[in-house]
Amino acid sequence: MVFDYIQKYPHRTKQILGISYEQFQSLLNCAINRYKEIKTKQERQKIRINASGGGRPAKLLIQEQVCLCLFY
């Protein structure tokens, strides 16, 4: 997978994604923080009928989602 390859060879990030490894890490940190903010806001507004933790789990991590978005 692209994310695993970038983690193994960070010097190739610019060639694959078009941004440097440092920019990619900064983008990941922003995306993770924003995702956490959105999830906590949704949980505060949600009226629960079922217990939390139900539903289908995500197949990709946030880091992998950002990486694939930049790759494609």
PDB file of N, CA and C in Angstrom:
ATOM      1  N   MET A   1       0.838  -1.174   0.000  1.00  0.00           N
ATOM      2  CA  MET A   1       0.000   0.000   0.000  1.00  0.00           C
ATOM      3  C   MET A   1       0.889   1.245   0.000  1.00  0.00           C
ATOM      4  N   VAL A   2       0.389   2.330  -0.497  1.00  0.00           N
ATOM      5  CA  VAL A   2       1.157   3.558  -0.661  1.00  0.00           C
ATOM      6  C   VAL A   2       1.627   4.103   0.681  1.00  0.00           C
ATOM      7  N   PHE A   3       0.757   4.101   1.677  1.00  0.00           N
ATOM      8  CA  PHE A   3       1.120   4.649   2.990  1.00  0.00           C
ATOM      9  C   PHE A   3       2.275   3.866   3.612  1.00  0.00           C
ATOM     10  N   ASP A   4       2.228   2.559   3.531  1.00  0.00           N
ATOM     11  CA  ASP A   4       3.305   1.735   4.078  1.00  0.00           C
ATOM     12  C   ASP A   4       4.623   2.002   3.342  1.00  0.00           C
ATOM     13  N   TYR A   5       4.551   2.176   2.044  1.00  0.00           N
ATOM     14  CA  TYR A   5       5.746   2.451   1.256  1.00  0.00           C
ATOM     15  C   TYR A   5       6.357   3.785   1.656  1.00  0.00           C
ATOM     16  N   ILE A   6       5.524   4.786   1.866  1.00  0.00           N
ATOM     17  CA  ILE A   6       6.019   6.106   2.273  1.00  0.00           C
ATOM     18  C   ILE A   6       6.640   6.047   3.659  1.00  0.00           C
ATOM     19  N   GLN A   7       6.061   5.263   4.549  1.00  0.00           N
ATOM     20  CA  GLN A   7       6.638   5.124   5.888  1.00  0.00           C
ATOM     21  C   GLN A   7       8.000   4.443   5.810  1.00  0.00           C
ATOM     22  N   LYS A   8       8.150   3.541   4.873  1.00  0.00           N
ATOM     23  CA  LYS A   8       9.409   2.815   4.739  1.00  0.00           C
ATOM     24  C   LYS A   8      10.460   3.656   4.018  1.00  0.00           C
ATOM     25  N   TYR A   9      10.044   4.426   3.016  1.00  0.00           N
ATOM     26  CA  TYR A   9      10.944   5.257   2.219  1.00  0.00           C
ATOM     27  C   TYR A   9      10.447   6.705   2.211  1.00  0.00           C
ATOM     28  N   PRO A  10      10.670   7.449   3.298  1.00  0.00           N
ATOM     29  CA  PRO A  10      10.138   8.822   3.357  1.00  0.00           C
ATOM     30  C   PRO A  10      10.750   9.767   2.333  1.00  0.00           C
ATOM     31  N   HIS A  11      11.940   9.471   1.836  1.00  0.00           N
ATOM     32  CA  HIS A  11      12.567  10.344   0.838  1.00  0.00           C
ATOM     33  C   HIS A  11      11.854  10.296  -0.514  1.00  0.00           C
ATOM     34  N   ARG A  12      10.997   9.327  -0.733  1.00  0.00           N
ATOM     35  CA  ARG A  12      10.260   9.198  -2.001  1.00  0.00           C
ATOM     36  C   ARG A  12       8.892   9.889  -1.969  1.00  0.00           C
ATOM     37  N   THR A  13       8.543  10.499  -0.846  1.00  0.00           N
ATOM     38  CA  THR A  13       7.220  11.103  -0.685  1.00  0.00           C
ATOM     39  C   THR A  13       6.948  12.178  -1.733  1.00  0.00           C
ATOM     40  N   LYS A  14       7.928  13.010  -1.996  1.00  0.00           N
ATOM     41  CA  LYS A  14       7.750  14.102  -2.971  1.00  0.00           C
ATOM     42  C   LYS A  14       7.437  13.543  -4.355  1.00  0.00           C
ATOM     43  N   GLN A  15       8.047  12.445  -4.734  1.00  0.00           N
ATOM     44  CA  GLN A  15       7.815  11.840  -6.040  1.00  0.00           C
ATOM     45  C   GLN A  15       6.430  11.209  -6.132  1.00  0.00           C
ATOM     46  N   ILE A  16       5.961  10.653  -5.035  1.00  0.00           N
ATOM     47  CA  ILE A  16       4.694   9.921  -5.058  1.00  0.00           C
ATOM     48  C   ILE A  16       3.486  10.831  -4.851  1.00  0.00           C
ATOM     49  N   LEU A  17       3.576  11.721  -3.853  1.00  0.00           N
ATOM     50  CA  LEU A  17       2.423  12.534  -3.488  1.00  0.00           C
ATOM     51  C   LEU A  17       2.508  13.984  -3.950  1.00  0.00           C
ATOM     52  N   GLY A  18       3.692  14.437  -4.295  1.00  0.00           N
ATOM     53  CA  GLY A  18       3.843  15.816  -4.730  1.00  0.00           C
ATOM     54  C   GLY A  18       4.125  16.796  -3.606  1.00  0.00           C
ATOM     55  N   ILE A  19       4.226  16.300  -2.374  1.00  0.00           N
ATOM     56  CA  ILE A  19       4.574  17.147  -1.232  1.00  0.00           C
ATOM     57  C   ILE A  19       5.690  16.455  -0.456  1.00  0.00           C
ATOM     58  N   SER A  20       6.420  17.219   0.336  1.00  0.00           N
ATOM     59  CA  SER A  20       7.519  16.637   1.104  1.00  0.00           C
ATOM     60  C   SER A  20       6.986  15.805   2.260  1.00  0.00           C
ATOM     61  N   TYR A  21       7.864  15.000   2.849  1.00  0.00           N
ATOM     62  CA  TYR A  21       7.472  14.137   3.957  1.00  0.00           C
ATOM     63  C   TYR A  21       7.044  14.969   5.165  1.00  0.00           C
ATOM     64  N   GLU A  22       7.726  16.087   5.406  1.00  0.00           N
ATOM     65  CA  GLU A  22       7.377  16.950   6.529  1.00  0.00           C
ATOM     66  C   GLU A  22       5.992  17.570   6.325  1.00  0.00           C
ATOM     67  N   GLN A  23       5.694  17.993   5.102  1.00  0.00           N
ATOM     68  CA  GLN A  23       4.378  18.537   4.797  1.00  0.00           C
ATOM     69  C   GLN A  23       3.305  17.457   4.954  1.00  0.00           C
ATOM     70  N   PHE A  24       3.629  16.249   4.534  1.00  0.00           N
ATOM     71  CA  PHE A  24       2.697  15.139   4.661  1.00  0.00           C
ATOM     72  C   PHE A  24       2.400  14.842   6.132  1.00  0.00           C
ATOM     73  N   GLN A  25       3.426  14.836   6.970  1.00  0.00           N
ATOM     74  CA  GLN A  25       3.230  14.592   8.398  1.00  0.00           C
ATOM     75  C   GLN A  25       2.396  15.703   9.031  1.00  0.00           C
ATOM     76  N   SER A  26       2.641  16.936   8.638  1.00  0.00           N
ATOM     77  CA  SER A  26       1.867  18.061   9.145  1.00  0.00           C
ATOM     78  C   SER A  26       0.402  17.937   8.730  1.00  0.00           C
ATOM     79  N   LEU A  27       0.174  17.557   7.477  1.00  0.00           N
ATOM     80  CA  LEU A  27      -1.183  17.355   6.981  1.00  0.00           C
ATOM     81  C   LEU A  27      -1.880  16.229   7.739  1.00  0.00           C
ATOM     82  N   LEU A  28      -1.164  15.155   8.020  1.00  0.00           N
ATOM     83  CA  LEU A  28      -1.744  14.052   8.780  1.00  0.00           C
ATOM     84  C   LEU A  28      -2.143  14.490  10.188  1.00  0.00           C
ATOM     85  N   ASN A  29      -1.274  15.256  10.834  1.00  0.00           N
ATOM     86  CA  ASN A  29      -1.591  15.736  12.181  1.00  0.00           C
ATOM     87  C   ASN A  29      -2.842  16.613  12.176  1.00  0.00           C
ATOM     88  N   CYS A  30      -2.953  17.501  11.186  1.00  0.00           N
ATOM     89  CA  CYS A  30      -4.139  18.347  11.073  1.00  0.00           C
ATOM     90  C   CYS A  30      -5.392  17.517  10.810  1.00  0.00           C
ATOM     91  N   ALA A  31      -5.283  16.535   9.940  1.00  0.00           N
ATOM     92  CA  ALA A  31      -6.430  15.688   9.596  1.00  0.00           C
ATOM     93  C   ALA A  31      -6.885  14.864  10.797  1.00  0.00           C
ATOM     94  N   ILE A  32      -5.959  14.324  11.550  1.00  0.00           N
ATOM     95  CA  ILE A  32      -6.305  13.522  12.731  1.00  0.00           C
ATOM     96  C   ILE A  32      -6.977  14.389  13.779  1.00  0.00           C
ATOM     97  N   ASN A  33      -6.419  15.579  14.029  1.00  0.00           N
ATOM     98  CA  ASN A  33      -7.022  16.488  15.009  1.00  0.00           C
ATOM     99  C   ASN A  33      -8.414  16.907  14.589  1.00  0.00           C
ATOM    100  N   ARG A  34      -8.575  17.224  13.320  1.00  0.00           N
ATOM    101  CA  ARG A  34      -9.896  17.636  12.815  1.00  0.00           C
ATOM    102  C   ARG A  34     -10.897  16.490  12.904  1.00  0.00           C
ATOM    103  N   TYR A  35     -10.462  15.286  12.599  1.00  0.00           N
ATOM    104  CA  TYR A  35     -11.335  14.114  12.690  1.00  0.00           C
ATOM    105  C   TYR A  35     -11.815  13.914  14.126  1.00  0.00           C
ATOM    106  N   LYS A  36     -10.897  14.060  15.084  1.00  0.00           N
ATOM    107  CA  LYS A  36     -11.269  13.906  16.498  1.00  0.00           C
ATOM    108  C   LYS A  36     -12.273  14.974  16.926  1.00  0.00           C
ATOM    109  N   GLU A  37     -12.062  16.213  16.469  1.00  0.00           N
ATOM    110  CA  GLU A  37     -12.995  17.292  16.791  1.00  0.00           C
ATOM    111  C   GLU A  37     -14.390  16.992  16.258  1.00  0.00           C
ATOM    112  N   ILE A  38     -14.450  16.549  15.014  1.00  0.00           N
ATOM    113  CA  ILE A  38     -15.748  16.260  14.389  1.00  0.00           C
ATOM    114  C   ILE A  38     -16.448  15.120  15.113  1.00  0.00           C
ATOM    115  N   LYS A  39     -15.696  14.062  15.445  1.00  0.00           N
ATOM    116  CA  LYS A  39     -16.305  12.913  16.130  1.00  0.00           C
ATOM    117  C   LYS A  39     -16.837  13.295  17.514  1.00  0.00           C
ATOM    118  N   THR A  40     -16.078  14.094  18.271  1.00  0.00           N
ATOM    119  CA  THR A  40     -16.560  14.501  19.596  1.00  0.00           C
ATOM    120  C   THR A  40     -17.788  15.396  19.485  1.00  0.00           C
ATOM    121  N   LYS A  41     -17.815  16.277  18.478  1.00  0.00           N
ATOM    122  CA  LYS A  41     -18.983  17.133  18.269  1.00  0.00           C
ATOM    123  C   LYS A  41     -20.205  16.291  17.910  1.00  0.00           C
ATOM    124  N   GLN A  42     -20.020  15.293  17.050  1.00  0.00           N
ATOM    125  CA  GLN A  42     -21.126  14.412  16.670  1.00  0.00           C
ATOM    126  C   GLN A  42     -21.631  13.622  17.863  1.00  0.00           C
ATOM    127  N   GLU A  43     -20.726  13.137  18.699  1.00  0.00           N
ATOM    128  CA  GLU A  43     -21.123  12.341  19.859  1.00  0.00           C
ATOM    129  C   GLU A  43     -21.906  13.179  20.869  1.00  0.00           C
ATOM    130  N   ARG A  44     -21.538  14.457  21.018  1.00  0.00           N
ATOM    131  CA  ARG A  44     -22.257  15.324  21.953  1.00  0.00           C
ATOM    132  C   ARG A  44     -23.673  15.599  21.474  1.00  0.00           C
ATOM    133  N   GLN A  45     -23.881  15.696  20.166  1.00  0.00           N
ATOM    134  CA  GLN A  45     -25.187  16.025  19.619  1.00  0.00           C
ATOM    135  C   GLN A  45     -26.066  14.804  19.385  1.00  0.00           C
ATOM    136  N   LYS A  46     -25.469  13.633  19.431  1.00  0.00           N
ATOM    137  CA  LYS A  46     -26.185  12.413  19.075  1.00  0.00           C
ATOM    138  C   LYS A  46     -27.104  11.959  20.213  1.00  0.00           C
ATOM    139  N   ILE A  47     -28.269  11.501  19.833  1.00  0.00           N
ATOM    140  CA  ILE A  47     -29.182  10.858  20.781  1.00  0.00           C
ATOM    141  C   ILE A  47     -29.028   9.366  20.574  1.00  0.00           C
ATOM    142  N   ARG A  48     -28.501   8.691  21.591  1.00  0.00           N
ATOM    143  CA  ARG A  48     -28.159   7.270  21.469  1.00  0.00           C
ATOM    144  C   ARG A  48     -29.333   6.367  21.769  1.00  0.00           C
ATOM    145  N   ILE A  49     -29.562   5.447  20.854  1.00  0.00           N
ATOM    146  CA  ILE A  49     -30.525   4.368  21.084  1.00  0.00           C
ATOM    147  C   ILE A  49     -29.755   3.081  21.339  1.00  0.00           C
ATOM    148  N   ASN A  50     -28.736   2.848  20.517  1.00  0.00           N
ATOM    149  CA  ASN A  50     -27.877   1.674  20.671  1.00  0.00           C
ATOM    150  C   ASN A  50     -26.597   2.063  21.395  1.00  0.00           C
ATOM    151  N   ALA A  51     -25.912   1.063  21.927  1.00  0.00           N
ATOM    152  CA  ALA A  51     -24.643   1.319  22.611  1.00  0.00           C
ATOM    153  C   ALA A  51     -23.589   1.773  21.613  1.00  0.00           C
ATOM    154  N   SER A  52     -22.638   2.557  22.100  1.00  0.00           N
ATOM    155  CA  SER A  52     -21.578   3.017  21.205  1.00  0.00           C
ATOM    156  C   SER A  52     -20.678   1.850  20.820  1.00  0.00           C
ATOM    157  N   GLY A  53     -20.015   1.998  19.685  1.00  0.00           N
ATOM    158  CA  GLY A  53     -19.130   0.938  19.207  1.00  0.00           C
ATOM    159  C   GLY A  53     -19.787   0.026  18.196  1.00  0.00           C
ATOM    160  N   GLY A  54     -21.058   0.218  17.949  1.00  0.00           N
ATOM    161  CA  GLY A  54     -21.748  -0.598  16.966  1.00  0.00           C
ATOM    162  C   GLY A  54     -21.473  -0.090  15.560  1.00  0.00           C
ATOM    163  N   GLY A  55     -21.871  -0.840  14.592  1.00  0.00           N
ATOM    164  CA  GLY A  55     -21.671  -0.425  13.210  1.00  0.00           C
ATOM    165  C   GLY A  55     -20.440  -1.068  12.603  1.00  0.00           C
ATOM    166  N   ARG A  56     -20.277  -0.803  11.358  1.00  0.00           N
ATOM    167  CA  ARG A  56     -19.172  -1.390  10.614  1.00  0.00           C
ATOM    168  C   ARG A  56     -17.889  -0.605  10.867  1.00  0.00           C
ATOM    169  N   PRO A  57     -16.810  -1.270  11.230  1.00  0.00           N
ATOM    170  CA  PRO A  57     -15.549  -0.555  11.446  1.00  0.00           C
ATOM    171  C   PRO A  57     -14.936  -0.111  10.119  1.00  0.00           C
ATOM    172  N   ALA A  58     -14.181   0.967  10.170  1.00  0.00           N
ATOM    173  CA  ALA A  58     -13.528   1.483   8.972  1.00  0.00           C
ATOM    174  C   ALA A  58     -12.417   0.531   8.541  1.00  0.00           C
ATOM    175  N   LYS A  59     -12.230   0.397   7.237  1.00  0.00           N
ATOM    176  CA  LYS A  59     -11.179  -0.478   6.724  1.00  0.00           C
ATOM    177  C   LYS A  59      -9.828   0.221   6.670  1.00  0.00           C
ATOM    178  N   LEU A  60      -9.838   1.544   6.499  1.00  0.00           N
ATOM    179  CA  LEU A  60      -8.597   2.301   6.393  1.00  0.00           C
ATOM    180  C   LEU A  60      -8.451   3.254   7.578  1.00  0.00           C
ATOM    181  N   LEU A  61      -7.220   3.450   7.996  1.00  0.00           N
ATOM    182  CA  LEU A  61      -6.924   4.445   9.012  1.00  0.00           C
ATOM    183  C   LEU A  61      -7.021   5.831   8.394  1.00  0.00           C
ATOM    184  N   ILE A  62      -7.126   6.841   9.237  1.00  0.00           N
ATOM    185  CA  ILE A  62      -7.180   8.217   8.746  1.00  0.00           C
ATOM    186  C   ILE A  62      -5.936   8.537   7.921  1.00  0.00           C
ATOM    187  N   GLN A  63      -4.778   8.076   8.388  1.00  0.00           N
ATOM    188  CA  GLN A  63      -3.528   8.328   7.675  1.00  0.00           C
ATOM    189  C   GLN A  63      -3.577   7.734   6.271  1.00  0.00           C
ATOM    190  N   GLU A  64      -4.107   6.531   6.162  1.00  0.00           N
ATOM    191  CA  GLU A  64      -4.197   5.872   4.857  1.00  0.00           C
ATOM    192  C   GLU A  64      -5.200   6.579   3.945  1.00  0.00           C
ATOM    193  N   GLN A  65      -6.284   7.082   4.523  1.00  0.00           N
ATOM    194  CA  GLN A  65      -7.271   7.803   3.722  1.00  0.00           C
ATOM    195  C   GLN A  65      -6.679   9.077   3.126  1.00  0.00           C
ATOM    196  N   VAL A  66      -5.939   9.824   3.939  1.00  0.00           N
ATOM    197  CA  VAL A  66      -5.310  11.060   3.455  1.00  0.00           C
ATOM    198  C   VAL A  66      -4.281  10.734   2.368  1.00  0.00           C
ATOM    199  N   CYS A  67      -3.495   9.717   2.606  1.00  0.00           N
ATOM    200  CA  CYS A  67      -2.456   9.316   1.645  1.00  0.00           C
ATOM    201  C   CYS A  67      -3.078   8.913   0.314  1.00  0.00           C
ATOM    202  N   LEU A  68      -4.113   8.119   0.342  1.00  0.00           N
ATOM    203  CA  LEU A  68      -4.755   7.699  -0.907  1.00  0.00           C
ATOM    204  C   LEU A  68      -5.434   8.860  -1.626  1.00  0.00           C
ATOM    205  N   CYS A  69      -5.978   9.795  -0.865  1.00  0.00           N
ATOM    206  CA  CYS A  69      -6.587  10.978  -1.473  1.00  0.00           C
ATOM    207  C   CYS A  69      -5.532  11.779  -2.234  1.00  0.00           C
ATOM    208  N   LEU A  70      -4.361  11.949  -1.641  1.00  0.00           N
ATOM    209  CA  LEU A  70      -3.290  12.684  -2.322  1.00  0.00           C
ATOM    210  C   LEU A  70      -2.730  11.892  -3.501  1.00  0.00           C
ATOM    211  N   PHE A  71      -2.656  10.597  -3.359  1.00  0.00           N
ATOM    212  CA  PHE A  71      -2.084   9.752  -4.400  1.00  0.00           C
ATOM    213  C   PHE A  71      -2.949   9.769  -5.650  1.00  0.00           C
ATOM    214  N   TYR A  72      -4.263   9.653  -5.467  1.00  0.00           N
ATOM    215  CA  TYR A  72      -5.155   9.612  -6.624  1.00  0.00           C
ATOM    216  C   TYR A  72      -5.463  10.997  -7.127  1.00  0.00           C
TER     217      TYR A  72
END
